[in-house]
C-alpha cells in the first residue's frame, strides 16, 4: 500500500487489530512480541495491517471519529492506486483532519475502513 514504510523485521511493533498468535490474544495498542512467530509470519501480519511499526502507531482514541456523513462516501477497492488529487479528495471527505500528504490520506482512509470493519 502507498505510503507505508518498507518492512523491517528488526523494528518494534504495535498491535493495531486484534488477533491470536501462538494461542495468545493480541490486543490493539499493545507491543507485539516478535519472538512469537517466524519472520515470514511477521511480514504477513504487517501486510495484513494487524501490526505496525511502533514509530508509525497512532492511538485510535486520538484519531478523529471522521467527518459527518463519511459512512455514505464510497471507498473504491483500489483507493491506494488513485492519483494523489483523487486520493486527497477522498480522504478529505472522510476526515476532519487536514490531508497534507499521502501518509495523511492513507491514515484517514484506513481509519474509515477500520470503522467500517472492511480492512483485511
N, C-alpha and C. Protein backbone atom coordinates (compact mmCIF):
# COMPACT_ATOMS: atom_id res chain seq x y z
N UNK A 1 0.84 -1.17 0.00
CA UNK A 1 0.00 0.00 0.00
C UNK A 1 0.89 1.23 0.00
N UNK A 2 0.38 2.28 -0.61
CA UNK A 2 1.12 3.52 -0.73
C UNK A 2 1.38 4.13 0.63
N UNK A 3 2.59 4.68 0.80
CA UNK A 3 2.88 5.43 2.00
C UNK A 3 3.37 4.65 3.20
N UNK A 4 3.36 3.34 3.15
CA UNK A 4 3.83 2.56 4.30
C UNK A 4 5.33 2.38 4.21
N UNK A 5 6.00 2.44 5.35
CA UNK A 5 7.45 2.19 5.35
C UNK A 5 7.74 0.75 4.93
N UNK A 6 8.92 0.56 4.35
CA UNK A 6 9.34 -0.79 3.96
C UNK A 6 9.46 -1.66 5.20
N UNK A 7 9.02 -2.90 5.09
CA UNK A 7 9.04 -3.83 6.21
C UNK A 7 10.46 -4.06 6.70
N UNK A 8 10.63 -4.03 8.01
CA UNK A 8 11.92 -4.30 8.64
C UNK A 8 11.65 -5.16 9.88
N UNK A 9 12.02 -6.45 9.85
CA UNK A 9 11.71 -7.34 10.98
C UNK A 9 12.43 -6.97 12.28
N UNK A 10 13.41 -6.08 12.22
CA UNK A 10 14.16 -5.71 13.41
C UNK A 10 13.55 -4.54 14.17
N UNK A 11 12.45 -4.00 13.66
CA UNK A 11 11.77 -2.88 14.31
C UNK A 11 10.92 -3.39 15.48
N UNK A 12 10.47 -2.47 16.31
CA UNK A 12 9.48 -2.77 17.35
C UNK A 12 8.10 -2.58 16.74
N UNK A 13 7.17 -3.46 17.10
CA UNK A 13 5.83 -3.43 16.52
C UNK A 13 4.77 -3.22 17.58
N UNK A 14 3.65 -2.64 17.14
CA UNK A 14 2.47 -2.45 17.98
C UNK A 14 1.30 -3.15 17.29
N UNK A 15 0.46 -3.81 18.06
CA UNK A 15 -0.73 -4.47 17.52
C UNK A 15 -1.75 -3.38 17.18
N UNK A 16 -2.33 -3.44 15.97
CA UNK A 16 -3.34 -2.46 15.60
C UNK A 16 -4.70 -3.09 15.34
N UNK A 17 -4.73 -4.41 15.21
CA UNK A 17 -6.00 -5.12 15.03
C UNK A 17 -5.93 -6.43 15.80
N UNK A 18 -6.95 -6.73 16.58
CA UNK A 18 -6.97 -7.91 17.44
C UNK A 18 -6.81 -9.20 16.61
N UNK A 19 -5.98 -10.11 17.13
CA UNK A 19 -5.79 -11.43 16.51
C UNK A 19 -5.17 -12.37 17.53
N UNK A 20 -5.15 -13.66 17.20
CA UNK A 20 -4.49 -14.67 18.04
C UNK A 20 -3.14 -15.01 17.44
N UNK A 21 -2.15 -15.16 18.30
CA UNK A 21 -0.83 -15.59 17.86
C UNK A 21 -0.30 -16.55 18.91
N UNK A 22 0.07 -17.73 18.50
CA UNK A 22 0.55 -18.77 19.41
C UNK A 22 -0.46 -19.01 20.53
N UNK A 23 -1.73 -18.90 20.19
CA UNK A 23 -2.80 -19.16 21.14
C UNK A 23 -3.07 -18.02 22.11
N UNK A 24 -2.34 -16.93 21.98
CA UNK A 24 -2.49 -15.78 22.88
C UNK A 24 -3.19 -14.64 22.16
N UNK A 25 -4.19 -14.02 22.78
CA UNK A 25 -4.85 -12.87 22.15
C UNK A 25 -3.90 -11.67 22.13
N UNK A 26 -3.84 -11.02 20.99
CA UNK A 26 -3.04 -9.81 20.82
C UNK A 26 -4.00 -8.64 20.75
N UNK A 27 -3.88 -7.70 21.66
CA UNK A 27 -4.82 -6.59 21.78
C UNK A 27 -4.27 -5.33 21.14
N UNK A 28 -5.12 -4.57 20.44
CA UNK A 28 -4.68 -3.31 19.81
C UNK A 28 -4.04 -2.36 20.83
N UNK A 29 -2.97 -1.70 20.39
CA UNK A 29 -2.28 -0.73 21.23
C UNK A 29 -1.20 -1.31 22.10
N UNK A 30 -1.04 -2.65 22.07
CA UNK A 30 -0.01 -3.27 22.90
C UNK A 30 1.20 -3.64 22.05
N UNK A 31 2.39 -3.65 22.66
CA UNK A 31 3.58 -4.08 21.92
C UNK A 31 3.42 -5.54 21.49
N UNK A 32 3.96 -5.87 20.31
CA UNK A 32 3.89 -7.23 19.82
C UNK A 32 5.23 -7.92 20.03
N UNK A 33 5.20 -9.08 20.65
CA UNK A 33 6.40 -9.88 20.90
C UNK A 33 6.75 -10.63 19.63
N UNK A 34 7.78 -10.17 18.92
CA UNK A 34 8.16 -10.77 17.64
C UNK A 34 8.71 -12.19 17.78
N UNK A 35 9.05 -12.61 18.99
CA UNK A 35 9.55 -13.97 19.18
C UNK A 35 8.42 -15.00 19.08
N UNK A 36 7.17 -14.54 19.02
CA UNK A 36 6.04 -15.46 18.94
C UNK A 36 5.85 -16.07 17.55
N UNK A 37 6.53 -15.50 16.55
CA UNK A 37 6.31 -16.02 15.19
C UNK A 37 7.58 -15.91 14.34
N UNK A 38 7.55 -16.60 13.23
CA UNK A 38 8.65 -16.57 12.27
C UNK A 38 8.63 -15.25 11.52
N UNK A 39 9.78 -14.84 10.95
CA UNK A 39 9.83 -13.59 10.19
C UNK A 39 8.80 -13.53 9.05
N UNK A 40 8.57 -14.66 8.39
CA UNK A 40 7.59 -14.70 7.30
C UNK A 40 6.18 -14.36 7.82
N UNK A 41 5.83 -14.90 8.98
CA UNK A 41 4.53 -14.62 9.59
C UNK A 41 4.46 -13.17 10.04
N UNK A 42 5.55 -12.66 10.57
CA UNK A 42 5.63 -11.27 10.99
C UNK A 42 5.34 -10.34 9.80
N UNK A 43 5.93 -10.65 8.66
CA UNK A 43 5.70 -9.86 7.44
C UNK A 43 4.24 -9.94 7.02
N UNK A 44 3.63 -11.12 7.11
CA UNK A 44 2.22 -11.27 6.76
C UNK A 44 1.34 -10.44 7.69
N UNK A 45 1.63 -10.45 8.97
CA UNK A 45 0.86 -9.64 9.93
C UNK A 45 0.98 -8.16 9.60
N UNK A 46 2.18 -7.74 9.19
CA UNK A 46 2.41 -6.35 8.81
C UNK A 46 1.62 -6.02 7.54
N UNK A 47 1.70 -6.89 6.55
CA UNK A 47 0.98 -6.67 5.28
C UNK A 47 -0.53 -6.66 5.48
N UNK A 48 -1.01 -7.45 6.43
CA UNK A 48 -2.45 -7.51 6.73
C UNK A 48 -2.90 -6.38 7.64
N UNK A 49 -1.96 -5.52 8.01
CA UNK A 49 -2.23 -4.37 8.90
C UNK A 49 -2.78 -4.80 10.26
N UNK A 50 -2.24 -5.91 10.75
CA UNK A 50 -2.58 -6.33 12.11
C UNK A 50 -1.55 -5.78 13.10
N UNK A 51 -0.35 -5.46 12.58
CA UNK A 51 0.69 -4.82 13.37
C UNK A 51 1.28 -3.68 12.54
N UNK A 52 1.91 -2.74 13.23
CA UNK A 52 2.63 -1.67 12.53
C UNK A 52 3.89 -1.36 13.31
N UNK A 53 4.77 -0.59 12.71
CA UNK A 53 5.97 -0.17 13.42
C UNK A 53 5.54 0.71 14.59
N UNK A 54 6.21 0.57 15.71
CA UNK A 54 5.89 1.40 16.87
C UNK A 54 6.02 2.88 16.51
N UNK A 55 6.96 3.20 15.64
CA UNK A 55 7.19 4.60 15.27
C UNK A 55 6.05 5.20 14.45
N UNK A 56 5.23 4.36 13.79
CA UNK A 56 4.13 4.89 12.99
C UNK A 56 2.77 4.71 13.66
N UNK A 57 2.76 4.15 14.86
CA UNK A 57 1.49 3.89 15.55
C UNK A 57 0.84 5.18 16.02
N UNK A 58 -0.46 5.28 15.76
CA UNK A 58 -1.26 6.40 16.28
C UNK A 58 -2.40 5.80 17.08
N UNK A 59 -2.50 6.22 18.31
CA UNK A 59 -3.56 5.75 19.19
C UNK A 59 -4.93 6.09 18.58
N UNK A 60 -5.79 5.07 18.32
CA UNK A 60 -7.09 5.33 17.70
C UNK A 60 -7.94 6.32 18.48
N UNK A 61 -7.75 6.39 19.77
CA UNK A 61 -8.55 7.34 20.56
C UNK A 61 -8.17 8.78 20.25
N UNK A 62 -7.02 8.97 19.59
CA UNK A 62 -6.59 10.31 19.23
C UNK A 62 -6.89 10.64 17.78
N UNK A 63 -7.39 9.65 17.01
CA UNK A 63 -7.77 9.89 15.62
C UNK A 63 -9.20 10.39 15.61
N UNK A 64 -9.48 11.41 14.81
CA UNK A 64 -10.83 11.94 14.83
C UNK A 64 -11.81 10.87 14.38
N UNK A 65 -13.04 11.01 14.78
CA UNK A 65 -14.05 9.99 14.52
C UNK A 65 -14.61 10.07 13.11
N UNK A 66 -14.03 10.92 12.30
CA UNK A 66 -14.47 11.01 10.91
C UNK A 66 -15.39 12.20 10.69
N UNK A 67 -15.48 12.56 9.45
CA UNK A 67 -16.34 13.66 9.06
C UNK A 67 -17.78 13.16 9.07
N UNK A 68 -18.71 13.98 9.56
CA UNK A 68 -20.12 13.58 9.49
C UNK A 68 -20.51 13.25 8.05
N UNK A 69 -21.18 12.15 7.88
CA UNK A 69 -21.58 11.69 6.54
C UNK A 69 -20.53 10.84 5.85
N UNK A 70 -19.39 10.59 6.52
CA UNK A 70 -18.31 9.82 5.90
C UNK A 70 -18.76 8.41 5.54
N UNK A 71 -19.70 7.86 6.32
CA UNK A 71 -20.14 6.49 6.04
C UNK A 71 -20.87 6.38 4.71
N UNK A 72 -21.34 7.51 4.17
CA UNK A 72 -22.04 7.50 2.88
C UNK A 72 -21.06 7.60 1.70
N UNK A 73 -19.79 7.90 1.99
CA UNK A 73 -18.78 8.06 0.95
C UNK A 73 -18.33 6.67 0.49
N UNK A 74 -18.33 6.45 -0.82
CA UNK A 74 -17.88 5.17 -1.38
C UNK A 74 -16.35 5.17 -1.46
N UNK A 75 -15.75 4.13 -0.90
CA UNK A 75 -14.30 3.97 -0.97
C UNK A 75 -14.00 2.84 -1.95
N UNK A 76 -13.41 3.16 -3.11
CA UNK A 76 -13.12 2.10 -4.08
C UNK A 76 -12.08 1.12 -3.54
N UNK A 77 -12.17 -0.12 -4.00
CA UNK A 77 -11.23 -1.15 -3.54
C UNK A 77 -9.79 -0.77 -3.86
N UNK A 78 -9.59 -0.07 -4.97
CA UNK A 78 -8.24 0.30 -5.39
C UNK A 78 -7.88 1.72 -4.96
N UNK A 79 -8.41 2.16 -3.84
CA UNK A 79 -8.19 3.53 -3.38
C UNK A 79 -6.72 3.88 -3.30
N UNK A 80 -5.88 2.89 -2.95
CA UNK A 80 -4.45 3.16 -2.79
C UNK A 80 -3.75 3.35 -4.13
N UNK A 81 -4.45 3.07 -5.25
CA UNK A 81 -3.88 3.27 -6.58
C UNK A 81 -4.38 4.55 -7.23
N UNK A 82 -5.27 5.26 -6.54
CA UNK A 82 -5.81 6.51 -7.09
C UNK A 82 -4.69 7.55 -7.21
N UNK A 83 -4.79 8.42 -8.21
CA UNK A 83 -3.80 9.51 -8.28
C UNK A 83 -3.95 10.41 -7.05
N UNK A 84 -2.87 11.09 -6.70
CA UNK A 84 -2.84 11.89 -5.48
C UNK A 84 -4.04 12.84 -5.34
N UNK A 85 -4.41 13.62 -6.38
CA UNK A 85 -5.55 14.54 -6.18
C UNK A 85 -6.85 13.81 -5.81
N UNK A 86 -7.10 12.67 -6.42
CA UNK A 86 -8.33 11.91 -6.13
C UNK A 86 -8.26 11.28 -4.74
N UNK A 87 -7.08 10.78 -4.35
CA UNK A 87 -6.92 10.17 -3.03
C UNK A 87 -7.05 11.24 -1.94
N UNK A 88 -6.52 12.43 -2.20
CA UNK A 88 -6.64 13.52 -1.23
C UNK A 88 -8.10 13.95 -1.08
N UNK A 89 -8.82 14.05 -2.20
CA UNK A 89 -10.24 14.43 -2.16
C UNK A 89 -11.04 13.39 -1.37
N UNK A 90 -10.77 12.10 -1.62
CA UNK A 90 -11.45 11.03 -0.90
C UNK A 90 -11.16 11.13 0.60
N UNK A 91 -9.89 11.26 0.96
CA UNK A 91 -9.51 11.33 2.37
C UNK A 91 -10.13 12.56 3.05
N UNK A 92 -10.17 13.66 2.35
CA UNK A 92 -10.77 14.89 2.91
C UNK A 92 -12.26 14.72 3.17
N UNK A 93 -12.91 13.90 2.36
CA UNK A 93 -14.34 13.64 2.56
C UNK A 93 -14.59 12.72 3.76
N UNK A 94 -13.54 12.04 4.22
CA UNK A 94 -13.67 11.07 5.30
C UNK A 94 -13.20 11.59 6.66
N UNK A 95 -12.38 12.63 6.65
CA UNK A 95 -11.73 13.06 7.88
C UNK A 95 -11.89 14.56 8.09
N UNK A 96 -11.87 14.98 9.34
CA UNK A 96 -11.87 16.41 9.66
C UNK A 96 -10.45 16.93 9.82
N UNK A 97 -9.47 16.02 9.83
CA UNK A 97 -8.07 16.42 9.93
C UNK A 97 -7.58 16.87 8.56
N UNK A 98 -6.63 17.82 8.50
CA UNK A 98 -6.09 18.24 7.21
C UNK A 98 -5.32 17.10 6.55
N UNK A 99 -5.47 16.97 5.25
CA UNK A 99 -4.77 15.94 4.47
C UNK A 99 -3.65 16.66 3.71
N UNK A 100 -2.44 16.55 4.23
CA UNK A 100 -1.32 17.30 3.67
C UNK A 100 -0.41 16.46 2.79
N UNK A 101 -0.48 15.13 2.95
CA UNK A 101 0.41 14.27 2.18
C UNK A 101 -0.21 12.87 2.05
N UNK A 102 0.50 11.99 1.35
CA UNK A 102 0.00 10.64 1.14
C UNK A 102 -0.21 9.85 2.42
N UNK A 103 0.66 10.07 3.40
CA UNK A 103 0.53 9.35 4.67
C UNK A 103 -0.74 9.78 5.40
N UNK A 104 -1.06 11.09 5.37
CA UNK A 104 -2.30 11.58 5.98
C UNK A 104 -3.51 10.98 5.28
N UNK A 105 -3.44 10.91 3.95
CA UNK A 105 -4.55 10.35 3.18
C UNK A 105 -4.75 8.88 3.52
N UNK A 106 -3.66 8.13 3.55
CA UNK A 106 -3.76 6.70 3.88
C UNK A 106 -4.32 6.52 5.29
N UNK A 107 -3.87 7.33 6.22
CA UNK A 107 -4.32 7.23 7.61
C UNK A 107 -5.83 7.49 7.70
N UNK A 108 -6.32 8.52 7.00
CA UNK A 108 -7.75 8.85 7.05
C UNK A 108 -8.60 7.76 6.41
N UNK A 109 -8.14 7.24 5.27
CA UNK A 109 -8.92 6.21 4.56
C UNK A 109 -8.91 4.90 5.34
N UNK A 110 -7.75 4.48 5.84
CA UNK A 110 -7.70 3.23 6.59
C UNK A 110 -8.47 3.34 7.91
N UNK A 111 -8.46 4.53 8.52
CA UNK A 111 -9.25 4.72 9.75
C UNK A 111 -10.73 4.53 9.46
N UNK A 112 -11.20 5.07 8.34
CA UNK A 112 -12.61 4.90 7.98
C UNK A 112 -12.91 3.45 7.64
N UNK A 113 -11.99 2.77 6.95
CA UNK A 113 -12.20 1.34 6.66
C UNK A 113 -12.25 0.53 7.95
N UNK A 114 -11.41 0.89 8.92
CA UNK A 114 -11.45 0.23 10.23
C UNK A 114 -12.82 0.43 10.88
N UNK A 115 -13.30 1.68 10.83
CA UNK A 115 -14.62 1.95 11.41
C UNK A 115 -15.69 1.11 10.74
N UNK A 116 -15.51 0.90 9.45
CA UNK A 116 -16.48 0.10 8.69
C UNK A 116 -16.15 -1.39 8.78
N UNK A 117 -15.02 -1.72 9.40
CA UNK A 117 -14.55 -3.10 9.53
C UNK A 117 -14.35 -3.75 8.17
N UNK A 118 -13.75 -3.01 7.23
CA UNK A 118 -13.51 -3.53 5.89
C UNK A 118 -12.04 -3.70 5.58
N UNK A 119 -11.18 -3.46 6.56
CA UNK A 119 -9.75 -3.63 6.32
C UNK A 119 -9.41 -5.10 6.46
N UNK A 120 -8.62 -5.64 5.52
CA UNK A 120 -8.28 -7.08 5.61
C UNK A 120 -7.54 -7.43 6.87
